Amino acid sequence: MALTHRQAYQVLGVPYLSDLQTCKRAYHNLCKQMHPDNVTEAFSEAASNQIALINEAYDLIQKENVQSGRLYASQTAPVSGRSAKVFGNPGAASEAGKLKRANEARRSALEKQKSFEIMQEKSRELAQRQKEAKILEQIRWIRLSDIIRKSMEEDARKEELTRKAQEAIRKARKE
């Protein structure tokens, strides 16, 4: 099954465009959970399919990170030009700067995505609260209408009894 980049992150259960260390940690945790020693025989075939999917997702993310130049912080070259010359690679400083800017842009995109998801969740909660308030208001109106209906029925019964009593009194006076 060919996974898209977004699906690969979803399979690992990490936010889209998470760094490689986070993906690696999630990958190892999932592999531990799906390990044959931890899975019963009844689920072993499903677990092996799941492990294959997890491996494919992690491989895709690894390839993407290598191709885009996103590496571990420990693998990047020193940032200052002087240190780069000491290590014998004068172009490493500009590469490190590019990686740093790319990481900052990725972090910024992740923060925007998180804030967007938080806003979506808050709006869902608000909509749910508004629905609940509307339902409660409808229940209040139903109760109130029931009370009014019962009161009107009671008033109608009283009027009927009063009318019958007055008729009885009139008949008694005529006799």
C-alpha atoms as a PDB file:
ATOM      1  CA  MET A   1       0.000   0.000   0.000  1.00  0.00           C
ATOM      2  CA  ALA A   2       1.505   3.329  -1.020  1.00  0.00           C
ATOM      3  CA  LEU A   3       1.231   5.851   1.782  1.00  0.00           C
ATOM      4  CA  THR A   4       1.172   9.608   1.386  1.00  0.00           C
ATOM      5  CA  HIS A   5       3.355  11.719   3.638  1.00  0.00           C
ATOM      6  CA  ARG A   6       0.396  12.751   5.806  1.00  0.00           C
ATOM      7  CA  GLN A   7      -0.763   9.149   6.145  1.00  0.00           C
ATOM      8  CA  ALA A   8       2.731   8.104   7.203  1.00  0.00           C
ATOM      9  CA  TYR A   9       2.665  10.590  10.076  1.00  0.00           C
ATOM     10  CA  GLN A  10      -0.854   9.445  11.003  1.00  0.00           C
ATOM     11  CA  VAL A  11       0.228   5.795  11.077  1.00  0.00           C
ATOM     12  CA  LEU A  12       2.971   6.682  13.545  1.00  0.00           C
ATOM     13  CA  GLY A  13       0.541   8.812  15.534  1.00  0.00           C
ATOM     14  CA  VAL A  14       2.617  11.992  15.430  1.00  0.00           C
ATOM     15  CA  PRO A  15       1.704  15.485  14.190  1.00  0.00           C
ATOM     16  CA  TYR A  16       2.338  16.169  10.518  1.00  0.00           C
ATOM     17  CA  LEU A  17       5.940  17.272   9.853  1.00  0.00           C
ATOM     18  CA  SER A  18       7.212  16.168  13.274  1.00  0.00           C
ATOM     19  CA  ASP A  19      10.980  15.937  13.572  1.00  0.00           C
ATOM     20  CA  LEU A  20      12.758  12.673  12.924  1.00  0.00           C
ATOM     21  CA  GLN A  21      13.504  12.041  16.601  1.00  0.00           C
ATOM     22  CA  THR A  22       9.800  12.195  17.492  1.00  0.00           C
ATOM     23  CA  CYS A  23       8.964   9.887  14.589  1.00  0.00           C
ATOM     24  CA  LYS A  24      11.715   7.473  15.601  1.00  0.00           C
ATOM     25  CA  ARG A  25      10.460   7.401  19.206  1.00  0.00           C
ATOM     26  CA  ALA A  26       6.889   6.731  18.021  1.00  0.00           C
ATOM     27  CA  TYR A  27       8.143   4.067  15.600  1.00  0.00           C
ATOM     28  CA  HIS A  28      10.029   2.217  18.339  1.00  0.00           C
ATOM     29  CA  ASN A  29       7.061   2.404  20.726  1.00  0.00           C
ATOM     30  CA  LEU A  30       4.705   0.999  18.080  1.00  0.00           C
ATOM     31  CA  CYS A  31       7.166  -1.780  17.211  1.00  0.00           C
ATOM     32  CA  LYS A  32       7.384  -2.720  20.892  1.00  0.00           C
ATOM     33  CA  GLN A  33       3.587  -2.881  21.117  1.00  0.00           C
ATOM     34  CA  MET A  34       3.272  -5.021  17.985  1.00  0.00           C
ATOM     35  CA  HIS A  35       6.235  -7.281  18.791  1.00  0.00           C
ATOM     36  CA  PRO A  36       5.344 -11.011  18.494  1.00  0.00           C
ATOM     37  CA  ASP A  37       6.191 -11.535  22.180  1.00  0.00           C
ATOM     38  CA  ASN A  38       3.572  -8.940  23.163  1.00  0.00           C
ATOM     39  CA  VAL A  39       0.821  -9.994  20.720  1.00  0.00           C
ATOM     40  CA  THR A  40      -1.385 -13.058  21.178  1.00  0.00           C
ATOM     41  CA  GLU A  41      -1.539 -15.700  18.471  1.00  0.00           C
ATOM     42  CA  ALA A  42      -5.058 -14.645  17.478  1.00  0.00           C
ATOM     43  CA  PHE A  43      -3.802 -11.201  16.507  1.00  0.00           C
ATOM     44  CA  SER A  44      -0.390 -12.172  15.150  1.00  0.00           C
ATOM     45  CA  GLU A  45      -1.364 -11.871  11.464  1.00  0.00           C
ATOM     46  CA  ALA A  46      -2.987  -8.488  12.012  1.00  0.00           C
ATOM     47  CA  ALA A  47       0.046  -7.398  14.017  1.00  0.00           C
ATOM     48  CA  SER A  48       2.428  -8.441  11.243  1.00  0.00           C
ATOM     49  CA  ASN A  49       0.373  -6.424   8.732  1.00  0.00           C
ATOM     50  CA  GLN A  50       0.416  -3.499  11.147  1.00  0.00           C
ATOM     51  CA  ILE A  51       4.205  -3.773  11.576  1.00  0.00           C
ATOM     52  CA  ALA A  52       4.643  -3.766   7.797  1.00  0.00           C
ATOM     53  CA  LEU A  53       2.552  -0.592   7.589  1.00  0.00           C
ATOM     54  CA  ILE A  54       4.511   1.026  10.433  1.00  0.00           C
ATOM     55  CA  ASN A  55       7.823   0.122   8.758  1.00  0.00           C
ATOM     56  CA  GLU A  56       6.650   1.554   5.453  1.00  0.00           C
ATOM     57  CA  ALA A  57       5.519   4.779   7.135  1.00  0.00           C
ATOM     58  CA  TYR A  58       8.805   5.197   9.017  1.00  0.00           C
ATOM     59  CA  ASP A  59      10.870   4.490   5.885  1.00  0.00           C
ATOM     60  CA  LEU A  60       8.886   7.092   3.953  1.00  0.00           C
ATOM     61  CA  ILE A  61       9.411   9.712   6.682  1.00  0.00           C
ATOM     62  CA  GLN A  62      13.120   8.886   6.897  1.00  0.00           C
ATOM     63  CA  LYS A  63      13.542   9.257   3.128  1.00  0.00           C
ATOM     64  CA  GLU A  64      11.600  12.518   3.184  1.00  0.00           C
ATOM     65  CA  ASN A  65      13.796  13.903   5.967  1.00  0.00           C
ATOM     66  CA  VAL A  66      16.998  12.914   4.222  1.00  0.00           C
ATOM     67  CA  GLN A  67      15.842  14.359   0.889  1.00  0.00           C
ATOM     68  CA  SER A  68      14.701  17.661   2.406  1.00  0.00           C
ATOM     69  CA  GLY A  69      17.854  17.961   4.513  1.00  0.00           C
ATOM     70  CA  ARG A  70      16.103  17.737   7.881  1.00  0.00           C
ATOM     71  CA  LEU A  71      18.527  15.848  10.062  1.00  0.00           C
ATOM     72  CA  TYR A  72      19.107  15.431  13.761  1.00  0.00           C
ATOM     73  CA  ALA A  73      20.541  18.518  15.436  1.00  0.00           C
ATOM     74  CA  SER A  74      23.646  16.527  16.352  1.00  0.00           C
ATOM     75  CA  GLN A  75      24.219  15.717  12.674  1.00  0.00           C
ATOM     76  CA  THR A  76      24.188  19.314  11.499  1.00  0.00           C
ATOM     77  CA  ALA A  77      27.436  21.175  10.995  1.00  0.00           C
ATOM     78  CA  PRO A  78      28.542  23.977  13.351  1.00  0.00           C
ATOM     79  CA  VAL A  79      26.705  27.229  12.717  1.00  0.00           C
ATOM     80  CA  SER A  80      29.485  29.834  12.854  1.00  0.00           C
ATOM     81  CA  GLY A  81      31.809  30.214   9.888  1.00  0.00           C
ATOM     82  CA  ARG A  82      34.966  30.126  12.024  1.00  0.00           C
ATOM     83  CA  SER A  83      34.095  26.746  13.569  1.00  0.00           C
ATOM     84  CA  ALA A  84      33.203  25.424  10.133  1.00  0.00           C
ATOM     85  CA  LYS A  85      36.654  26.341   8.824  1.00  0.00           C
ATOM     86  CA  VAL A  86      38.233  24.588  11.792  1.00  0.00           C
ATOM     87  CA  PHE A  87      36.412  21.424  10.787  1.00  0.00           C
ATOM     88  CA  GLY A  88      37.582  21.864   7.219  1.00  0.00           C
ATOM     89  CA  ASN A  89      34.235  22.574   5.556  1.00  0.00           C
ATOM     90  CA  PRO A  90      33.642  26.295   4.899  1.00  0.00           C
ATOM     91  CA  GLY A  91      30.277  25.641   3.201  1.00  0.00           C
ATOM     92  CA  ALA A  92      28.903  23.812   6.230  1.00  0.00           C
ATOM     93  CA  ALA A  93      27.942  27.048   7.970  1.00  0.00           C
ATOM     94  CA  SER A  94      25.590  28.088   5.149  1.00  0.00           C
ATOM     95  CA  GLU A  95      24.114  24.566   5.020  1.00  0.00           C
ATOM     96  CA  ALA A  96      23.567  24.665   8.780  1.00  0.00           C
ATOM     97  CA  GLY A  97      21.882  28.042   8.411  1.00  0.00           C
ATOM     98  CA  LYS A  98      19.585  26.642   5.720  1.00  0.00           C
ATOM     99  CA  LEU A  99      18.742  23.683   7.941  1.00  0.00           C
ATOM    100  CA  LYS A 100      18.095  25.980  10.879  1.00  0.00           C
ATOM    101  CA  ARG A 101      15.751  28.168   8.818  1.00  0.00           C
ATOM    102  CA  ALA A 102      13.989  25.082   7.463  1.00  0.00           C
ATOM    103  CA  ASN A 103      13.550  23.734  11.005  1.00  0.00           C
ATOM    104  CA  GLU A 104      12.219  27.112  12.177  1.00  0.00           C
ATOM    105  CA  ALA A 105       9.762  27.193   9.276  1.00  0.00           C
ATOM    106  CA  ARG A 106       8.671  23.627  10.086  1.00  0.00           C
ATOM    107  CA  ARG A 107       8.235  24.499  13.777  1.00  0.00           C
ATOM    108  CA  SER A 108       6.234  27.578  12.811  1.00  0.00           C
ATOM    109  CA  ALA A 109       4.012  25.471  10.543  1.00  0.00           C
ATOM    110  CA  LEU A 110       3.518  22.934  13.342  1.00  0.00           C
ATOM    111  CA  GLU A 111       2.604  25.683  15.813  1.00  0.00           C
ATOM    112  CA  LYS A 112       0.109  27.136  13.338  1.00  0.00           C
ATOM    113  CA  GLN A 113      -1.384  23.688  12.776  1.00  0.00           C
ATOM    114  CA  LYS A 114      -1.634  23.067  16.529  1.00  0.00           C
ATOM    115  CA  SER A 115      -3.284  26.438  17.140  1.00  0.00           C
ATOM    116  CA  PHE A 116      -5.689  25.757  14.263  1.00  0.00           C
ATOM    117  CA  GLU A 117      -6.550  22.344  15.734  1.00  0.00           C
ATOM    118  CA  ILE A 118      -7.065  23.933  19.162  1.00  0.00           C
ATOM    119  CA  MET A 119      -9.371  26.552  17.639  1.00  0.00           C
ATOM    120  CA  GLN A 120     -11.310  23.829  15.816  1.00  0.00           C
ATOM    121  CA  GLU A 121     -11.697  21.855  19.054  1.00  0.00           C
ATOM    122  CA  LYS A 122     -12.859  24.952  20.936  1.00  0.00           C
ATOM    123  CA  SER A 123     -15.387  25.780  18.228  1.00  0.00           C
ATOM    124  CA  ARG A 124     -16.672  22.169  18.338  1.00  0.00           C
ATOM    125  CA  GLU A 125     -17.011  22.429  22.123  1.00  0.00           C
ATOM    126  CA  LEU A 126     -18.821  25.758  21.798  1.00  0.00           C
ATOM    127  CA  ALA A 127     -21.190  24.319  19.191  1.00  0.00           C
ATOM    128  CA  GLN A 128     -21.858  21.329  21.459  1.00  0.00           C
ATOM    129  CA  ARG A 129     -22.567  23.627  24.423  1.00  0.00           C
ATOM    130  CA  GLN A 130     -24.903  25.725  22.262  1.00  0.00           C
ATOM    131  CA  LYS A 131     -26.735  22.568  21.158  1.00  0.00           C
ATOM    132  CA  GLU A 132     -27.083  21.435  24.761  1.00  0.00           C
ATOM    133  CA  ALA A 133     -28.342  24.887  25.811  1.00  0.00           C
ATOM    134  CA  LYS A 134     -30.887  24.841  22.984  1.00  0.00           C
ATOM    135  CA  ILE A 135     -32.085  21.375  24.004  1.00  0.00           C
ATOM    136  CA  LEU A 136     -32.366  22.481  27.651  1.00  0.00           C
ATOM    137  CA  GLU A 137     -34.352  25.543  26.567  1.00  0.00           C
ATOM    138  CA  GLN A 138     -36.691  23.313  24.546  1.00  0.00           C
ATOM    139  CA  ILE A 139     -37.112  21.030  27.561  1.00  0.00           C
ATOM    140  CA  ARG A 140     -37.954  24.064  29.732  1.00  0.00           C
ATOM    141  CA  TRP A 141     -40.555  25.188  27.195  1.00  0.00           C
ATOM    142  CA  ILE A 142     -42.031  21.695  27.027  1.00  0.00           C
ATOM    143  CA  ARG A 143     -42.233  21.542  30.826  1.00  0.00           C
ATOM    144  CA  LEU A 144     -43.711  25.007  30.973  1.00  0.00           C
ATOM    145  CA  SER A 145     -46.281  24.141  28.294  1.00  0.00           C
ATOM    146  CA  ASP A 146     -47.132  20.938  30.219  1.00  0.00           C
ATOM    147  CA  ILE A 147     -47.634  22.968  33.391  1.00  0.00           C
ATOM    148  CA  ILE A 148     -49.809  25.490  31.551  1.00  0.00           C
ATOM    149  CA  ARG A 149     -51.810  22.698  29.874  1.00  0.00           C
ATOM    150  CA  LYS A 150     -52.367  20.937  33.212  1.00  0.00           C
ATOM    151  CA  SER A 151     -53.339  24.229  34.819  1.00  0.00           C
ATOM    152  CA  MET A 152     -55.807  24.929  32.002  1.00  0.00           C
ATOM    153  CA  GLU A 153     -57.248  21.404  32.293  1.00  0.00           C
ATOM    154  CA  GLU A 154     -57.585  21.869  36.032  1.00  0.00           C
ATOM    155  CA  ASP A 155     -59.255  25.250  35.509  1.00  0.00           C
ATOM    156  CA  ALA A 156     -61.606  23.673  32.950  1.00  0.00           C
ATOM    157  CA  ARG A 157     -62.482  20.895  35.452  1.00  0.00           C
ATOM    158  CA  LYS A 158     -63.125  23.484  38.175  1.00  0.00           C
ATOM    159  CA  GLU A 159     -65.338  25.494  35.806  1.00  0.00           C
ATOM    160  CA  GLU A 160     -67.202  22.306  34.866  1.00  0.00           C
ATOM    161  CA  LEU A 161     -67.691  21.420  38.535  1.00  0.00           C
ATOM    162  CA  THR A 162     -68.772  24.981  39.301  1.00  0.00           C
ATOM    163  CA  ARG A 163     -71.227  24.922  36.410  1.00  0.00           C
ATOM    164  CA  LYS A 164     -72.647  21.559  37.514  1.00  0.00           C
ATOM    165  CA  ALA A 165     -72.908  22.799  41.087  1.00  0.00           C
ATOM    166  CA  GLN A 166     -74.741  25.935  39.949  1.00  0.00           C
ATOM    167  CA  GLU A 167     -77.125  23.816  37.849  1.00  0.00           C
ATOM    168  CA  ALA A 168     -77.744  21.568  40.822  1.00  0.00           C
ATOM    169  CA  ILE A 169     -78.459  24.614  42.990  1.00  0.00           C
ATOM    170  CA  ARG A 170     -80.884  26.000  40.380  1.00  0.00           C
ATOM    171  CA  LYS A 171     -82.678  22.672  40.147  1.00  0.00           C
ATOM    172  CA  ALA A 172     -82.866  22.462  43.904  1.00  0.00           C
ATOM    173  CA  ARG A 173     -84.357  25.961  44.099  1.00  0.00           C
ATOM    174  CA  LYS A 174     -86.932  25.170  41.444  1.00  0.00           C
ATOM    175  CA  GLU A 175     -88.107  22.128  43.302  1.00  0.00           C
END
